Amino acid sequence: MFVINEDKSIYTIKHDTAHFTVSIAPYELREGDTLTFTVRKRYRSAVIIATNADAEGYFNIASSDYDDVEPGYYLYDIQLTTGEGEIYTLVPPSPFTIDIEITEEVAD
């Protein structure tokens, strides 16, 4: 389960794979542009999850990205860095909740 709410908060279950696309129309991603999704416990703390989108703005969060992450409350943002080095925050710091995975507990 991976849910992006209207207020841009995200709720997921630990180890659940997530796929989502970020549209920044009318801007079109160009060669050299990077879209980055970053999760931290709080401002300036260590990066918990970081992944870049493909050329179409498609993000993939793999199950293994959660291996060293404890369930809890985090913050995320999404940033565009253009090939020219300009930086734009597309999604400002927003809540990112990781819940426990019951099946993992049973399987162990």
PDB file of N, CA and C in Angstrom:
ATOM      1  N   MET A   1       0.846  -1.174   0.000  1.00  0.00           N
ATOM      2  CA  MET A   1       0.000   0.000   0.000  1.00  0.00           C
ATOM      3  C   MET A   1       0.891   1.237   0.000  1.00  0.00           C
ATOM      4  N   PHE A   2       0.562   2.137  -0.890  1.00  0.00           N
ATOM      5  CA  PHE A   2       1.273   3.409  -0.989  1.00  0.00           C
ATOM      6  C   PHE A   2       0.236   4.440  -1.392  1.00  0.00           C
ATOM      7  N   VAL A   3      -0.094   5.356  -0.497  1.00  0.00           N
ATOM      8  CA  VAL A   3      -1.175   6.311  -0.732  1.00  0.00           C
ATOM      9  C   VAL A   3      -0.629   7.732  -0.663  1.00  0.00           C
ATOM     10  N   ILE A   4      -0.890   8.502  -1.713  1.00  0.00           N
ATOM     11  CA  ILE A   4      -0.579   9.930  -1.702  1.00  0.00           C
ATOM     12  C   ILE A   4      -1.907  10.659  -1.535  1.00  0.00           C
ATOM     13  N   ASN A   5      -2.056  11.343  -0.418  1.00  0.00           N
ATOM     14  CA  ASN A   5      -3.298  12.042  -0.096  1.00  0.00           C
ATOM     15  C   ASN A   5      -3.358  13.419  -0.757  1.00  0.00           C
ATOM     16  N   GLU A   6      -4.547  14.012  -0.770  1.00  0.00           N
ATOM     17  CA  GLU A   6      -4.732  15.329  -1.384  1.00  0.00           C
ATOM     18  C   GLU A   6      -3.823  16.395  -0.783  1.00  0.00           C
ATOM     19  N   ASP A   7      -3.517  16.273   0.508  1.00  0.00           N
ATOM     20  CA  ASP A   7      -2.637  17.253   1.159  1.00  0.00           C
ATOM     21  C   ASP A   7      -1.158  16.953   0.922  1.00  0.00           C
ATOM     22  N   LYS A   8      -0.879  15.983   0.038  1.00  0.00           N
ATOM     23  CA  LYS A   8       0.471  15.551  -0.353  1.00  0.00           C
ATOM     24  C   LYS A   8       1.157  14.680   0.692  1.00  0.00           C
ATOM     25  N   SER A   9       0.476  14.370   1.793  1.00  0.00           N
ATOM     26  CA  SER A   9       1.058  13.426   2.753  1.00  0.00           C
ATOM     27  C   SER A   9       1.039  12.031   2.124  1.00  0.00           C
ATOM     28  N   ILE A  10       2.005  11.208   2.523  1.00  0.00           N
ATOM     29  CA  ILE A  10       2.119   9.841   1.996  1.00  0.00           C
ATOM     30  C   ILE A  10       2.043   8.860   3.148  1.00  0.00           C
ATOM     31  N   TYR A  11       1.322   7.767   2.913  1.00  0.00           N
ATOM     32  CA  TYR A  11       1.208   6.668   3.872  1.00  0.00           C
ATOM     33  C   TYR A  11       1.612   5.396   3.143  1.00  0.00           C
ATOM     34  N   THR A  12       2.496   4.611   3.763  1.00  0.00           N
ATOM     35  CA  THR A  12       2.913   3.346   3.170  1.00  0.00           C
ATOM     36  C   THR A  12       3.177   2.318   4.263  1.00  0.00           C
ATOM     37  N   ILE A  13       3.297   1.086   3.865  1.00  0.00           N
ATOM     38  CA  ILE A  13       3.643  -0.022   4.750  1.00  0.00           C
ATOM     39  C   ILE A  13       5.105  -0.369   4.480  1.00  0.00           C
ATOM     40  N   LYS A  14       5.872  -0.626   5.525  1.00  0.00           N
ATOM     41  CA  LYS A  14       7.291  -0.960   5.364  1.00  0.00           C
ATOM     42  C   LYS A  14       7.448  -2.107   4.371  1.00  0.00           C
ATOM     43  N   HIS A  15       8.358  -1.952   3.459  1.00  0.00           N
ATOM     44  CA  HIS A  15       8.729  -2.896   2.412  1.00  0.00           C
ATOM     45  C   HIS A  15       7.758  -2.960   1.245  1.00  0.00           C
ATOM     46  N   ASP A  16       6.691  -2.168   1.242  1.00  0.00           N
ATOM     47  CA  ASP A  16       5.808  -2.166   0.077  1.00  0.00           C
ATOM     48  C   ASP A  16       6.458  -1.375  -1.054  1.00  0.00           C
ATOM     49  N   THR A  17       6.468  -1.963  -2.231  1.00  0.00           N
ATOM     50  CA  THR A  17       7.003  -1.319  -3.416  1.00  0.00           C
ATOM     51  C   THR A  17       6.063  -0.196  -3.844  1.00  0.00           C
ATOM     52  N   ALA A  18       6.621   0.878  -4.348  1.00  0.00           N
ATOM     53  CA  ALA A  18       5.797   2.006  -4.790  1.00  0.00           C
ATOM     54  C   ALA A  18       6.270   2.503  -6.148  1.00  0.00           C
ATOM     55  N   HIS A  19       5.305   2.825  -6.976  1.00  0.00           N
ATOM     56  CA  HIS A  19       5.566   3.424  -8.287  1.00  0.00           C
ATOM     57  C   HIS A  19       4.644   4.629  -8.415  1.00  0.00           C
ATOM     58  N   PHE A  20       5.187   5.768  -8.774  1.00  0.00           N
ATOM     59  CA  PHE A  20       4.345   6.942  -8.996  1.00  0.00           C
ATOM     60  C   PHE A  20       5.055   7.906  -9.938  1.00  0.00           C
ATOM     61  N   THR A  21       4.257   8.745 -10.570  1.00  0.00           N
ATOM     62  CA  THR A  21       4.768   9.708 -11.537  1.00  0.00           C
ATOM     63  C   THR A  21       4.494  11.122 -11.046  1.00  0.00           C
ATOM     64  N   VAL A  22       5.450  11.994 -11.274  1.00  0.00           N
ATOM     65  CA  VAL A  22       5.281  13.408 -10.955  1.00  0.00           C
ATOM     66  C   VAL A  22       5.206  14.168 -12.275  1.00  0.00           C
ATOM     67  N   SER A  23       4.111  14.870 -12.458  1.00  0.00           N
ATOM     68  CA  SER A  23       3.924  15.682 -13.657  1.00  0.00           C
ATOM     69  C   SER A  23       4.199  17.138 -13.306  1.00  0.00           C
ATOM     70  N   ILE A  24       4.984  17.786 -14.123  1.00  0.00           N
ATOM     71  CA  ILE A  24       5.286  19.198 -13.884  1.00  0.00           C
ATOM     72  C   ILE A  24       4.908  20.031 -15.112  1.00  0.00           C
ATOM     73  N   ALA A  25       3.852  19.594 -15.787  1.00  0.00           N
ATOM     74  CA  ALA A  25       3.374  20.281 -16.989  1.00  0.00           C
ATOM     75  C   ALA A  25       3.097  21.746 -16.663  1.00  0.00           C
ATOM     76  N   PRO A  26       3.387  22.649 -17.547  1.00  0.00           N
ATOM     77  CA  PRO A  26       3.730  22.419 -18.941  1.00  0.00           C
ATOM     78  C   PRO A  26       5.225  22.164 -19.169  1.00  0.00           C
ATOM     79  N   TYR A  27       6.028  22.201 -18.100  1.00  0.00           N
ATOM     80  CA  TYR A  27       7.463  21.933 -18.238  1.00  0.00           C
ATOM     81  C   TYR A  27       7.674  20.476 -18.625  1.00  0.00           C
ATOM     82  N   GLU A  28       8.590  20.223 -19.540  1.00  0.00           N
ATOM     83  CA  GLU A  28       8.948  18.862 -19.917  1.00  0.00           C
ATOM     84  C   GLU A  28      10.388  18.615 -19.506  1.00  0.00           C
ATOM     85  N   LEU A  29      10.615  17.464 -18.857  1.00  0.00           N
ATOM     86  CA  LEU A  29      11.974  17.125 -18.440  1.00  0.00           C
ATOM     87  C   LEU A  29      12.886  17.062 -19.655  1.00  0.00           C
ATOM     88  N   ARG A  30      14.086  17.592 -19.476  1.00  0.00           N
ATOM     89  CA  ARG A  30      15.075  17.602 -20.547  1.00  0.00           C
ATOM     90  C   ARG A  30      16.306  16.816 -20.112  1.00  0.00           C
ATOM     91  N   GLU A  31      17.131  16.513 -21.067  1.00  0.00           N
ATOM     92  CA  GLU A  31      18.375  15.810 -20.766  1.00  0.00           C
ATOM     93  C   GLU A  31      19.164  16.632 -19.754  1.00  0.00           C
ATOM     94  N   GLY A  32      19.648  15.965 -18.710  1.00  0.00           N
ATOM     95  CA  GLY A  32      20.404  16.638 -17.658  1.00  0.00           C
ATOM     96  C   GLY A  32      19.569  17.030 -16.461  1.00  0.00           C
ATOM     97  N   ASP A  33      18.228  17.034 -16.605  1.00  0.00           N
ATOM     98  CA  ASP A  33      17.341  17.332 -15.476  1.00  0.00           C
ATOM     99  C   ASP A  33      17.259  16.131 -14.545  1.00  0.00           C
ATOM    100  N   THR A  34      17.097  16.388 -13.252  1.00  0.00           N
ATOM    101  CA  THR A  34      16.953  15.321 -12.261  1.00  0.00           C
ATOM    102  C   THR A  34      15.797  15.646 -11.329  1.00  0.00           C
ATOM    103  N   LEU A  35      14.882  14.676 -11.180  1.00  0.00           N
ATOM    104  CA  LEU A  35      13.810  14.760 -10.188  1.00  0.00           C
ATOM    105  C   LEU A  35      14.201  13.853  -9.041  1.00  0.00           C
ATOM    106  N   THR A  36      14.260  14.385  -7.824  1.00  0.00           N
ATOM    107  CA  THR A  36      14.699  13.609  -6.665  1.00  0.00           C
ATOM    108  C   THR A  36      13.624  13.598  -5.588  1.00  0.00           C
ATOM    109  N   PHE A  37      13.327  12.396  -5.095  1.00  0.00           N
ATOM    110  CA  PHE A  37      12.398  12.167  -3.987  1.00  0.00           C
ATOM    111  C   PHE A  37      13.265  11.829  -2.783  1.00  0.00           C
ATOM    112  N   THR A  38      13.164  12.619  -1.705  1.00  0.00           N
ATOM    113  CA  THR A  38      14.016  12.432  -0.534  1.00  0.00           C
ATOM    114  C   THR A  38      13.167  12.340   0.728  1.00  0.00           C
ATOM    115  N   VAL A  39      13.502  11.366   1.594  1.00  0.00           N
ATOM    116  CA  VAL A  39      12.816  11.185   2.875  1.00  0.00           C
ATOM    117  C   VAL A  39      13.840  11.338   3.993  1.00  0.00           C
ATOM    118  N   ARG A  40      13.481  12.121   5.016  1.00  0.00           N
ATOM    119  CA  ARG A  40      14.320  12.315   6.204  1.00  0.00           C
ATOM    120  C   ARG A  40      13.445  12.237   7.451  1.00  0.00           C
ATOM    121  N   LYS A  41      14.062  11.938   8.579  1.00  0.00           N
ATOM    122  CA  LYS A  41      13.331  11.927   9.846  1.00  0.00           C
ATOM    123  C   LYS A  41      12.882  13.345  10.204  1.00  0.00           C
ATOM    124  N   ARG A  42      13.759  14.291  10.021  1.00  0.00           N
ATOM    125  CA  ARG A  42      13.451  15.700  10.250  1.00  0.00           C
ATOM    126  C   ARG A  42      14.442  16.519   9.419  1.00  0.00           C
ATOM    127  N   TYR A  43      14.223  17.800   9.375  1.00  0.00           N
ATOM    128  CA  TYR A  43      15.064  18.707   8.603  1.00  0.00           C
ATOM    129  C   TYR A  43      16.539  18.503   8.950  1.00  0.00           C
ATOM    130  N   ARG A  44      17.356  18.341   7.948  1.00  0.00           N
ATOM    131  CA  ARG A  44      18.811  18.187   8.070  1.00  0.00           C
ATOM    132  C   ARG A  44      19.277  16.872   8.692  1.00  0.00           C
ATOM    133  N   SER A  45      18.376  15.952   9.010  1.00  0.00           N
ATOM    134  CA  SER A  45      18.832  14.655   9.517  1.00  0.00           C
ATOM    135  C   SER A  45      19.283  13.799   8.331  1.00  0.00           C
ATOM    136  N   ALA A  46      19.817  12.642   8.617  1.00  0.00           N
ATOM    137  CA  ALA A  46      20.323  11.755   7.568  1.00  0.00           C
ATOM    138  C   ALA A  46      19.207  11.380   6.593  1.00  0.00           C
ATOM    139  N   VAL A  47      19.581  11.203   5.342  1.00  0.00           N
ATOM    140  CA  VAL A  47      18.621  10.775   4.326  1.00  0.00           C
ATOM    141  C   VAL A  47      18.236   9.327   4.594  1.00  0.00           C
ATOM    142  N   ILE A  48      16.933   9.065   4.634  1.00  0.00           N
ATOM    143  CA  ILE A  48      16.413   7.724   4.887  1.00  0.00           C
ATOM    144  C   ILE A  48      16.201   6.991   3.568  1.00  0.00           C
ATOM    145  N   ILE A  49      15.536   7.652   2.631  1.00  0.00           N
ATOM    146  CA  ILE A  49      15.281   7.111   1.295  1.00  0.00           C
ATOM    147  C   ILE A  49      15.534   8.242   0.308  1.00  0.00           C
ATOM    148  N   ALA A  50      16.223   7.940  -0.778  1.00  0.00           N
ATOM    149  CA  ALA A  50      16.405   8.909  -1.857  1.00  0.00           C
ATOM    150  C   ALA A  50      16.399   8.144  -3.170  1.00  0.00           C
ATOM    151  N   THR A  51      15.625   8.635  -4.108  1.00  0.00           N
ATOM    152  CA  THR A  51      15.572   7.993  -5.416  1.00  0.00           C
ATOM    153  C   THR A  51      15.307   9.050  -6.475  1.00  0.00           C
ATOM    154  N   ASN A  52      15.822   8.818  -7.666  1.00  0.00           N
ATOM    155  CA  ASN A  52      15.612   9.729  -8.781  1.00  0.00           C
ATOM    156  C   ASN A  52      14.597   9.138  -9.745  1.00  0.00           C
ATOM    157  N   ALA A  53      13.821  10.010 -10.367  1.00  0.00           N
ATOM    158  CA  ALA A  53      12.843   9.582 -11.365  1.00  0.00           C
ATOM    159  C   ALA A  53      13.546   9.324 -12.690  1.00  0.00           C
ATOM    160  N   ASP A  54      12.860   8.569 -13.564  1.00  0.00           N
ATOM    161  CA  ASP A  54      13.382   8.384 -14.912  1.00  0.00           C
ATOM    162  C   ASP A  54      13.036   9.623 -15.747  1.00  0.00           C
ATOM    163  N   ALA A  55      13.317   9.582 -17.038  1.00  0.00           N
ATOM    164  CA  ALA A  55      13.120  10.741 -17.907  1.00  0.00           C
ATOM    165  C   ALA A  55      11.656  11.143 -18.065  1.00  0.00           C
ATOM    166  N   GLU A  56      10.735  10.262 -17.674  1.00  0.00           N
ATOM    167  CA  GLU A  56       9.301  10.554 -17.767  1.00  0.00           C
ATOM    168  C   GLU A  56       8.718  11.029 -16.433  1.00  0.00           C
ATOM    169  N   GLY A  57       9.549  11.158 -15.396  1.00  0.00           N
ATOM    170  CA  GLY A  57       9.062  11.571 -14.079  1.00  0.00           C
ATOM    171  C   GLY A  57       8.531  10.424 -13.248  1.00  0.00           C
ATOM    172  N   TYR A  58       8.912   9.197 -13.611  1.00  0.00           N
ATOM    173  CA  TYR A  58       8.427   7.980 -12.947  1.00  0.00           C
ATOM    174  C   TYR A  58       9.394   7.572 -11.837  1.00  0.00           C
ATOM    175  N   PHE A  59       8.876   7.477 -10.605  1.00  0.00           N
ATOM    176  CA  PHE A  59       9.672   7.049  -9.456  1.00  0.00           C
ATOM    177  C   PHE A  59       9.374   5.596  -9.126  1.00  0.00           C
ATOM    178  N   ASN A  60      10.378   4.882  -8.676  1.00  0.00           N
ATOM    179  CA  ASN A  60      10.224   3.510  -8.205  1.00  0.00           C
ATOM    180  C   ASN A  60      10.909   3.413  -6.845  1.00  0.00           C
ATOM    181  N   ILE A  61      10.136   3.083  -5.814  1.00  0.00           N
ATOM    182  CA  ILE A  61      10.708   2.833  -4.489  1.00  0.00           C
ATOM    183  C   ILE A  61      10.665   1.328  -4.287  1.00  0.00           C
ATOM    184  N   ALA A  62      11.830   0.722  -4.217  1.00  0.00           N
ATOM    185  CA  ALA A  62      11.932  -0.731  -4.095  1.00  0.00           C
ATOM    186  C   ALA A  62      11.725  -1.170  -2.653  1.00  0.00           C
ATOM    187  N   SER A  63      11.297  -2.392  -2.489  1.00  0.00           N
ATOM    188  CA  SER A  63      11.110  -2.970  -1.157  1.00  0.00           C
ATOM    189  C   SER A  63      12.389  -2.847  -0.330  1.00  0.00           C
ATOM    190  N   SER A  64      13.520  -3.073  -0.964  1.00  0.00           N
ATOM    191  CA  SER A  64      14.808  -3.031  -0.258  1.00  0.00           C
ATOM    192  C   SER A  64      15.174  -1.625   0.224  1.00  0.00           C
ATOM    193  N   ASP A  65      14.545  -0.586  -0.336  1.00  0.00           N
ATOM    194  CA  ASP A  65      14.824   0.784   0.111  1.00  0.00           C
ATOM    195  C   ASP A  65      14.430   1.005   1.567  1.00  0.00           C
ATOM    196  N   TYR A  66      13.554   0.129   2.104  1.00  0.00           N
ATOM    197  CA  TYR A  66      13.089   0.250   3.481  1.00  0.00           C
ATOM    198  C   TYR A  66      13.889  -0.610   4.464  1.00  0.00           C
ATOM    199  N   ASP A  67      14.865  -1.356   3.986  1.00  0.00           N
ATOM    200  CA  ASP A  67      15.556  -2.328   4.842  1.00  0.00           C
ATOM    201  C   ASP A  67      16.050  -1.746   6.163  1.00  0.00           C
ATOM    202  N   ASP A  68      16.638  -0.578   6.134  1.00  0.00           N
ATOM    203  CA  ASP A  68      17.212   0.016   7.343  1.00  0.00           C
ATOM    204  C   ASP A  68      16.336   1.121   7.937  1.00  0.00           C
ATOM    205  N   VAL A  69      15.061   1.138   7.562  1.00  0.00           N
ATOM    206  CA  VAL A  69      14.147   2.196   7.995  1.00  0.00           C
ATOM    207  C   VAL A  69      13.146   1.636   8.999  1.00  0.00           C
ATOM    208  N   GLU A  70      13.036   2.296  10.137  1.00  0.00           N
ATOM    209  CA  GLU A  70      12.051   1.903  11.148  1.00  0.00           C
ATOM    210  C   GLU A  70      10.695   2.528  10.814  1.00  0.00           C
ATOM    211  N   PRO A  71       9.606   1.828  11.101  1.00  0.00           N
ATOM    212  CA  PRO A  71       8.296   2.456  10.944  1.00  0.00           C
ATOM    213  C   PRO A  71       8.249   3.747  11.770  1.00  0.00           C
ATOM    214  N   GLY A  72       7.568   4.737  11.259  1.00  0.00           N
ATOM    215  CA  GLY A  72       7.470   5.999  11.981  1.00  0.00           C
ATOM    216  C   GLY A  72       7.046   7.133  11.086  1.00  0.00           C
ATOM    217  N   TYR A  73       7.238   8.340  11.606  1.00  0.00           N
ATOM    218  CA  TYR A  73       6.825   9.555  10.916  1.00  0.00           C
ATOM    219  C   TYR A  73       8.053  10.277  10.380  1.00  0.00           C
ATOM    220  N   TYR A  74       8.004  10.626   9.103  1.00  0.00           N
ATOM    221  CA  TYR A  74       9.118  11.244   8.411  1.00  0.00           C
ATOM    222  C   TYR A  74       8.613  12.436   7.598  1.00  0.00           C
ATOM    223  N   LEU A  75       9.524  13.107   6.920  1.00  0.00           N
ATOM    224  CA  LEU A  75       9.199  14.171   5.981  1.00  0.00           C
ATOM    225  C   LEU A  75       9.803  13.818   4.629  1.00  0.00           C
ATOM    226  N   TYR A  76       9.134  14.220   3.565  1.00  0.00           N
ATOM    227  CA  TYR A  76       9.700  14.027   2.231  1.00  0.00           C
ATOM    228  C   TYR A  76       9.520  15.310   1.436  1.00  0.00           C
ATOM    229  N   ASP A  77      10.293  15.431   0.369  1.00  0.00           N
ATOM    230  CA  ASP A  77      10.051  16.461  -0.628  1.00  0.00           C
ATOM    231  C   ASP A  77      10.471  15.926  -1.988  1.00  0.00           C
ATOM    232  N   ILE A  78      10.078  16.650  -3.013  1.00  0.00           N
ATOM    233  CA  ILE A  78      10.475  16.306  -4.378  1.00  0.00           C
ATOM    234  C   ILE A  78      11.066  17.562  -4.996  1.00  0.00           C
ATOM    235  N   GLN A  79      12.262  17.403  -5.539  1.00  0.00           N
ATOM    236  CA  GLN A  79      13.006  18.544  -6.070  1.00  0.00           C
ATOM    237  C   GLN A  79      13.394  18.293  -7.521  1.00  0.00           C
ATOM    238  N   LEU A  80      13.303  19.337  -8.323  1.00  0.00           N
ATOM    239  CA  LEU A  80      13.802  19.316  -9.696  1.00  0.00           C
ATOM    240  C   LEU A  80      15.103  20.093  -9.728  1.00  0.00           C
ATOM    241  N   THR A  81      16.155  19.467 -10.240  1.00  0.00           N
ATOM    242  CA  THR A  81      17.405  20.161 -10.521  1.00  0.00           C
ATOM    243  C   THR A  81      17.575  20.125 -12.031  1.00  0.00           C
ATOM    244  N   THR A  82      17.578  21.283 -12.656  1.00  0.00           N
ATOM    245  CA  THR A  82      17.686  21.325 -14.114  1.00  0.00           C
ATOM    246  C   THR A  82      19.123  21.048 -14.544  1.00  0.00           C
ATOM    247  N   GLY A  83      19.273  20.750 -15.806  1.00  0.00           N
ATOM    248  CA  GLY A  83      20.600  20.528 -16.358  1.00  0.00           C
ATOM    249  C   GLY A  83      21.488  21.749 -16.233  1.00  0.00           C
ATOM    250  N   GLU A  84      20.869  22.919 -16.076  1.00  0.00           N
ATOM    251  CA  GLU A  84      21.615  24.171 -15.917  1.00  0.00           C
ATOM    252  C   GLU A  84      21.934  24.462 -14.458  1.00  0.00           C
ATOM    253  N   GLY A  85      21.487  23.578 -13.547  1.00  0.00           N
ATOM    254  CA  GLY A  85      21.789  23.748 -12.129  1.00  0.00           C
ATOM    255  C   GLY A  85      20.750  24.521 -11.333  1.00  0.00           C
ATOM    256  N   GLU A  86      19.644  24.901 -11.972  1.00  0.00           N
ATOM    257  CA  GLU A  86      18.576  25.577 -11.230  1.00  0.00           C
ATOM    258  C   GLU A  86      17.825  24.553 -10.386  1.00  0.00           C
ATOM    259  N   ILE A  87      17.371  24.967  -9.200  1.00  0.00           N
ATOM    260  CA  ILE A  87      16.702  24.055  -8.268  1.00  0.00           C
ATOM    261  C   ILE A  87      15.298  24.568  -7.980  1.00  0.00           C
ATOM    262  N   TYR A  88      14.328  23.644  -8.092  1.00  0.00           N
ATOM    263  CA  TYR A  88      12.925  23.958  -7.812  1.00  0.00           C
ATOM    264  C   TYR A  88      12.344  22.865  -6.926  1.00  0.00           C
ATOM    265  N   THR A  89      11.772  23.243  -5.797  1.00  0.00           N
ATOM    266  CA  THR A  89      11.092  22.280  -4.930  1.00  0.00           C
ATOM    267  C   THR A  89       9.658  22.167  -5.427  1.00  0.00           C
ATOM    268  N   LEU A  90       9.301  20.986  -5.932  1.00  0.00           N
ATOM    269  CA  LEU A  90       7.975  20.761  -6.506  1.00  0.00           C
ATOM    270  C   LEU A  90       6.956  20.370  -5.450  1.00  0.00           C
ATOM    271  N   VAL A  91       7.407  19.606  -4.465  1.00  0.00           N
ATOM    272  CA  VAL A  91       6.564  19.250  -3.323  1.00  0.00           C
ATOM    273  C   VAL A  91       7.336  19.680  -2.084  1.00  0.00           C
ATOM    274  N   PRO A  92       6.817  20.637  -1.323  1.00  0.00           N
ATOM    275  CA  PRO A  92       7.521  21.086  -0.118  1.00  0.00           C
ATOM    276  C   PRO A  92       7.525  19.992   0.941  1.00  0.00           C
ATOM    277  N   PRO A  93       8.330  20.135   1.990  1.00  0.00           N
ATOM    278  CA  PRO A  93       8.357  19.114   3.039  1.00  0.00           C
ATOM    279  C   PRO A  93       6.939  18.743   3.474  1.00  0.00           C
ATOM    280  N   SER A  94       6.650  17.441   3.387  1.00  0.00           N
ATOM    281  CA  SER A  94       5.313  16.918   3.669  1.00  0.00           C
ATOM    282  C   SER A  94       5.436  15.621   4.447  1.00  0.00           C
ATOM    283  N   PRO A  95       4.396  15.256   5.212  1.00  0.00           N
ATOM    284  CA  PRO A  95       4.450  14.033   6.029  1.00  0.00           C
ATOM    285  C   PRO A  95       4.568  12.756   5.189  1.00  0.00           C
ATOM    286  N   PHE A  96       5.396  11.851   5.674  1.00  0.00           N
ATOM    287  CA  PHE A  96       5.605  10.537   5.058  1.00  0.00           C
ATOM    288  C   PHE A  96       5.565   9.520   6.193  1.00  0.00           C
ATOM    289  N   THR A  97       4.523   8.715   6.246  1.00  0.00           N
ATOM    290  CA  THR A  97       4.330   7.752   7.329  1.00  0.00           C
ATOM    291  C   THR A  97       4.618   6.343   6.835  1.00  0.00           C
ATOM    292  N   ILE A  98       5.478   5.637   7.572  1.00  0.00           N
ATOM    293  CA  ILE A  98       5.766   4.227   7.288  1.00  0.00           C
ATOM    294  C   ILE A  98       5.193   3.411   8.433  1.00  0.00           C
ATOM    295  N   ASP A  99       4.252   2.541   8.110  1.00  0.00           N
ATOM    296  CA  ASP A  99       3.602   1.703   9.118  1.00  0.00           C
ATOM    297  C   ASP A  99       4.290   0.339   9.176  1.00  0.00           C
ATOM    298  N   ILE A 100       3.988  -0.421  10.223  1.00  0.00           N
ATOM    299  CA  ILE A 100       4.588  -1.745  10.397  1.00  0.00           C
ATOM    300  C   ILE A 100       4.064  -2.712   9.347  1.00  0.00           C
ATOM    301  N   GLU A 101       4.859  -3.735   9.089  1.00  0.00           N
ATOM    302  CA  GLU A 101       4.484  -4.790   8.153  1.00  0.00           C
ATOM    303  C   GLU A 101       4.204  -6.047   8.962  1.00  0.00           C
ATOM    304  N   ILE A 102       2.962  -6.436   9.072  1.00  0.00           N
ATOM    305  CA  ILE A 102       2.576  -7.600   9.867  1.00  0.00           C
ATOM    306  C   ILE A 102       3.107  -8.886   9.255  1.00  0.00           C
ATOM    307  N   THR A 103       3.010  -9.045   7.950  1.00  0.00           N
ATOM    308  CA  THR A 103       3.437 -10.284   7.299  1.00  0.00           C
ATOM    309  C   THR A 103       4.910 -10.561   7.525  1.00  0.00           C
ATOM    310  N   GLU A 104       5.749  -9.531   7.498  1.00  0.00           N
ATOM    311  CA  GLU A 104       7.175  -9.712   7.758  1.00  0.00           C
ATOM    312  C   GLU A 104       7.381 -10.299   9.149  1.00  0.00           C
ATOM    313  N   GLU A 105       6.637  -9.796  10.115  1.00  0.00           N
ATOM    314  CA  GLU A 105       6.762 -10.287  11.490  1.00  0.00           C
ATOM    315  C   GLU A 105       6.366 -11.757  11.586  1.00  0.00           C
ATOM    316  N   VAL A 106       5.327 -12.164  10.870  1.00  0.00           N
ATOM    317  CA  VAL A 106       4.862 -13.556  10.889  1.00  0.00           C
ATOM    318  C   VAL A 106       5.858 -14.462  10.188  1.00  0.00           C
ATOM    319  N   ALA A 107       6.439 -13.985   9.068  1.00  0.00           N
ATOM    320  CA  ALA A 107       7.353 -14.803   8.273  1.00  0.00           C
ATOM    321  C   ALA A 107       8.659 -15.086   8.998  1.00  0.00           C
ATOM    322  N   ASP A 108       9.080 -14.188   9.878  1.00  0.00           N
ATOM    323  CA  ASP A 108      10.354 -14.379  10.583  1.00  0.00           C
ATOM    324  C   ASP A 108      10.175 -15.414  11.610  1.00  0.00           C
TER     325      ASP A 108
END
